[in-house]
Amino acid sequence: MVEENKAMASALHEWNSQLEGMVRERTKQLGESYRITRKLYEELKKNFESTLEVLSIAIDQRDHLTNSHSFV
């Protein structure tokens, strides 16, 4: 029974090590996914702000009475 207990403890330790490795790998993958998502978000935000600026300039150019009223 003692030998069986040692064998089970050894197997459990090995399994735990494997799980920890899997968690580290997945954490690394999630970190990389977050970095990519954050970069894409910043690009999207910049493009959105540029679009708003261009649209406001277009509105201002359309009518001289509203010039500079819609500029962001």
N, C-alpha and C. Protein backbone atom coordinates (compact mmCIF):
# COMPACT_ATOMS: atom_id res chain seq x y z
N MET A 1 0.83 -1.19 0.00
CA MET A 1 0.00 0.00 0.00
C MET A 1 0.88 1.26 0.00
N VAL A 2 1.99 1.22 0.72
CA VAL A 2 2.91 2.35 0.75
C VAL A 2 3.51 2.59 -0.63
N GLU A 3 3.87 1.50 -1.29
CA GLU A 3 4.43 1.62 -2.65
C GLU A 3 3.39 2.17 -3.62
N GLU A 4 2.17 1.70 -3.47
CA GLU A 4 1.08 2.20 -4.33
C GLU A 4 0.85 3.68 -4.08
N ASN A 5 0.92 4.10 -2.83
CA ASN A 5 0.75 5.50 -2.47
C ASN A 5 1.87 6.35 -3.08
N LYS A 6 3.11 5.83 -3.02
CA LYS A 6 4.24 6.56 -3.62
C LYS A 6 4.08 6.67 -5.13
N ALA A 7 3.63 5.60 -5.75
CA ALA A 7 3.42 5.60 -7.20
C ALA A 7 2.34 6.60 -7.58
N MET A 8 1.27 6.62 -6.82
CA MET A 8 0.18 7.57 -7.09
C MET A 8 0.65 9.01 -6.87
N ALA A 9 1.44 9.23 -5.82
CA ALA A 9 1.96 10.57 -5.56
C ALA A 9 2.88 11.01 -6.68
N SER A 10 3.69 10.10 -7.17
CA SER A 10 4.59 10.42 -8.28
C SER A 10 3.79 10.74 -9.54
N ALA A 11 2.79 9.94 -9.82
CA ALA A 11 1.94 10.18 -11.00
C ALA A 11 1.21 11.50 -10.87
N LEU A 12 0.73 11.79 -9.67
CA LEU A 12 0.02 13.04 -9.44
C LEU A 12 0.96 14.23 -9.62
N HIS A 13 2.19 14.09 -9.14
CA HIS A 13 3.17 15.17 -9.29
C HIS A 13 3.48 15.41 -10.77
N GLU A 14 3.63 14.33 -11.54
CA GLU A 14 3.89 14.45 -12.97
C GLU A 14 2.72 15.10 -13.70
N TRP A 15 1.53 14.67 -13.35
CA TRP A 15 0.33 15.23 -13.96
C TRP A 15 0.21 16.71 -13.63
N ASN A 16 0.49 17.07 -12.39
CA ASN A 16 0.45 18.46 -11.97
C ASN A 16 1.46 19.30 -12.75
N SER A 17 2.65 18.76 -12.95
CA SER A 17 3.67 19.46 -13.73
C SER A 17 3.21 19.68 -15.16
N GLN A 18 2.59 18.66 -15.74
CA GLN A 18 2.08 18.79 -17.11
C GLN A 18 0.99 19.86 -17.18
N LEU A 19 0.10 19.86 -16.21
CA LEU A 19 -0.97 20.87 -16.19
C LEU A 19 -0.40 22.27 -16.03
N GLU A 20 0.59 22.43 -15.18
CA GLU A 20 1.23 23.74 -15.01
C GLU A 20 1.86 24.21 -16.31
N GLY A 21 2.48 23.28 -17.04
CA GLY A 21 3.05 23.62 -18.34
C GLY A 21 1.99 24.06 -19.33
N MET A 22 0.86 23.35 -19.31
CA MET A 22 -0.24 23.71 -20.20
C MET A 22 -0.80 25.09 -19.84
N VAL A 23 -0.90 25.37 -18.56
CA VAL A 23 -1.39 26.69 -18.11
C VAL A 23 -0.43 27.79 -18.54
N ARG A 24 0.87 27.55 -18.39
CA ARG A 24 1.86 28.55 -18.82
C ARG A 24 1.77 28.83 -20.31
N GLU A 25 1.63 27.76 -21.11
CA GLU A 25 1.53 27.90 -22.56
C GLU A 25 0.26 28.67 -22.94
N ARG A 26 -0.85 28.32 -22.32
CA ARG A 26 -2.12 29.01 -22.63
C ARG A 26 -2.07 30.46 -22.19
N THR A 27 -1.45 30.73 -21.06
CA THR A 27 -1.31 32.11 -20.59
C THR A 27 -0.48 32.92 -21.57
N LYS A 28 0.57 32.30 -22.10
CA LYS A 28 1.40 32.96 -23.11
C LYS A 28 0.58 33.27 -24.36
N GLN A 29 -0.23 32.30 -24.80
CA GLN A 29 -1.08 32.50 -25.98
C GLN A 29 -2.09 33.62 -25.74
N LEU A 30 -2.69 33.64 -24.56
CA LEU A 30 -3.67 34.68 -24.24
C LEU A 30 -3.02 36.05 -24.20
N GLY A 31 -1.81 36.12 -23.66
CA GLY A 31 -1.09 37.39 -23.63
C GLY A 31 -0.83 37.91 -25.03
N GLU A 32 -0.41 37.02 -25.93
CA GLU A 32 -0.16 37.40 -27.31
C GLU A 32 -1.46 37.83 -28.00
N SER A 33 -2.54 37.10 -27.74
CA SER A 33 -3.84 37.47 -28.32
C SER A 33 -4.28 38.84 -27.82
N TYR A 34 -4.06 39.11 -26.54
CA TYR A 34 -4.41 40.41 -25.98
C TYR A 34 -3.60 41.51 -26.63
N ARG A 35 -2.30 41.27 -26.82
CA ARG A 35 -1.43 42.28 -27.43
C ARG A 35 -1.90 42.60 -28.85
N ILE A 36 -2.23 41.58 -29.62
CA ILE A 36 -2.70 41.78 -30.99
C ILE A 36 -4.05 42.50 -30.99
N THR A 37 -4.96 42.08 -30.12
CA THR A 37 -6.28 42.71 -30.04
C THR A 37 -6.15 44.18 -29.65
N ARG A 38 -5.28 44.47 -28.70
CA ARG A 38 -5.08 45.85 -28.26
C ARG A 38 -4.53 46.72 -29.41
N LYS A 39 -3.59 46.16 -30.17
CA LYS A 39 -3.03 46.89 -31.32
C LYS A 39 -4.11 47.16 -32.36
N LEU A 40 -4.94 46.16 -32.66
CA LEU A 40 -6.02 46.34 -33.63
C LEU A 40 -7.04 47.35 -33.14
N TYR A 41 -7.33 47.32 -31.84
CA TYR A 41 -8.26 48.29 -31.25
C TYR A 41 -7.72 49.71 -31.42
N GLU A 42 -6.44 49.91 -31.14
CA GLU A 42 -5.85 51.25 -31.27
C GLU A 42 -5.90 51.73 -32.71
N GLU A 43 -5.64 50.83 -33.67
CA GLU A 43 -5.73 51.19 -35.09
C GLU A 43 -7.17 51.56 -35.46
N LEU A 44 -8.12 50.77 -35.00
CA LEU A 44 -9.52 51.04 -35.29
C LEU A 44 -9.95 52.38 -34.70
N LYS A 45 -9.53 52.65 -33.49
CA LYS A 45 -9.85 53.92 -32.83
C LYS A 45 -9.27 55.10 -33.61
N LYS A 46 -8.02 54.97 -34.04
CA LYS A 46 -7.38 56.03 -34.81
C LYS A 46 -8.11 56.25 -36.13
N ASN A 47 -8.49 55.16 -36.81
CA ASN A 47 -9.23 55.27 -38.07
C ASN A 47 -10.60 55.91 -37.87
N PHE A 48 -11.27 55.56 -36.79
CA PHE A 48 -12.57 56.14 -36.48
C PHE A 48 -12.44 57.66 -36.26
N GLU A 49 -11.44 58.06 -35.48
CA GLU A 49 -11.24 59.48 -35.22
C GLU A 49 -10.88 60.24 -36.50
N SER A 50 -10.08 59.62 -37.36
CA SER A 50 -9.73 60.24 -38.64
C SER A 50 -10.97 60.39 -39.52
N THR A 51 -11.81 59.38 -39.52
CA THR A 51 -13.05 59.43 -40.30
C THR A 51 -13.95 60.57 -39.82
N LEU A 52 -14.09 60.70 -38.50
CA LEU A 52 -14.90 61.79 -37.96
C LEU A 52 -14.33 63.15 -38.34
N GLU A 53 -13.02 63.27 -38.30
CA GLU A 53 -12.39 64.54 -38.66
C GLU A 53 -12.64 64.87 -40.13
N VAL A 54 -12.47 63.89 -41.00
CA VAL A 54 -12.70 64.11 -42.43
C VAL A 54 -14.16 64.47 -42.70
N LEU A 55 -15.08 63.78 -42.04
CA LEU A 55 -16.50 64.10 -42.23
C LEU A 55 -16.84 65.50 -41.74
N SER A 56 -16.25 65.91 -40.62
CA SER A 56 -16.52 67.25 -40.12
C SER A 56 -15.95 68.31 -41.06
N ILE A 57 -14.79 68.04 -41.64
CA ILE A 57 -14.22 68.98 -42.62
C ILE A 57 -15.12 69.05 -43.85
N ALA A 58 -15.63 67.90 -44.29
CA ALA A 58 -16.52 67.88 -45.45
C ALA A 58 -17.79 68.68 -45.16
N ILE A 59 -18.33 68.55 -43.96
CA ILE A 59 -19.53 69.31 -43.59
C ILE A 59 -19.23 70.80 -43.59
N ASP A 60 -18.09 71.17 -43.02
CA ASP A 60 -17.71 72.58 -42.98
C ASP A 60 -17.52 73.17 -44.38
N GLN A 61 -17.00 72.39 -45.30
CA GLN A 61 -16.76 72.86 -46.66
C GLN A 61 -18.05 72.98 -47.46
N ARG A 62 -19.08 72.30 -47.03
CA ARG A 62 -20.33 72.29 -47.77
C ARG A 62 -21.06 73.62 -47.68
N ASP A 63 -21.02 74.25 -46.54
CA ASP A 63 -21.77 75.50 -46.33
C ASP A 63 -20.89 76.46 -45.54
N HIS A 64 -20.66 77.64 -46.10
CA HIS A 64 -19.78 78.60 -45.43
C HIS A 64 -20.39 79.14 -44.12
N LEU A 65 -21.71 79.04 -43.96
CA LEU A 65 -22.34 79.51 -42.73
C LEU A 65 -22.06 78.60 -41.54
N THR A 66 -21.79 77.33 -41.84
CA THR A 66 -21.50 76.38 -40.76
C THR A 66 -20.00 76.11 -40.62
N ASN A 67 -19.21 76.90 -41.31
CA ASN A 67 -17.75 76.70 -41.26
C ASN A 67 -17.24 76.72 -39.84
N SER A 68 -16.48 75.71 -39.46
CA SER A 68 -15.85 75.54 -38.15
C SER A 68 -16.83 75.23 -37.02
N HIS A 69 -18.05 74.95 -37.33
CA HIS A 69 -19.02 74.59 -36.29
C HIS A 69 -19.04 73.09 -35.98
N SER A 70 -18.62 72.32 -36.95
CA SER A 70 -18.69 70.87 -36.75
C SER A 70 -17.33 70.24 -36.56
N PHE A 71 -16.28 71.01 -36.52
CA PHE A 71 -14.93 70.46 -36.38
C PHE A 71 -14.75 69.82 -35.01
N VAL A 72 -14.22 68.62 -35.01
CA VAL A 72 -14.03 67.87 -33.77
C VAL A 72 -12.81 68.37 -33.03
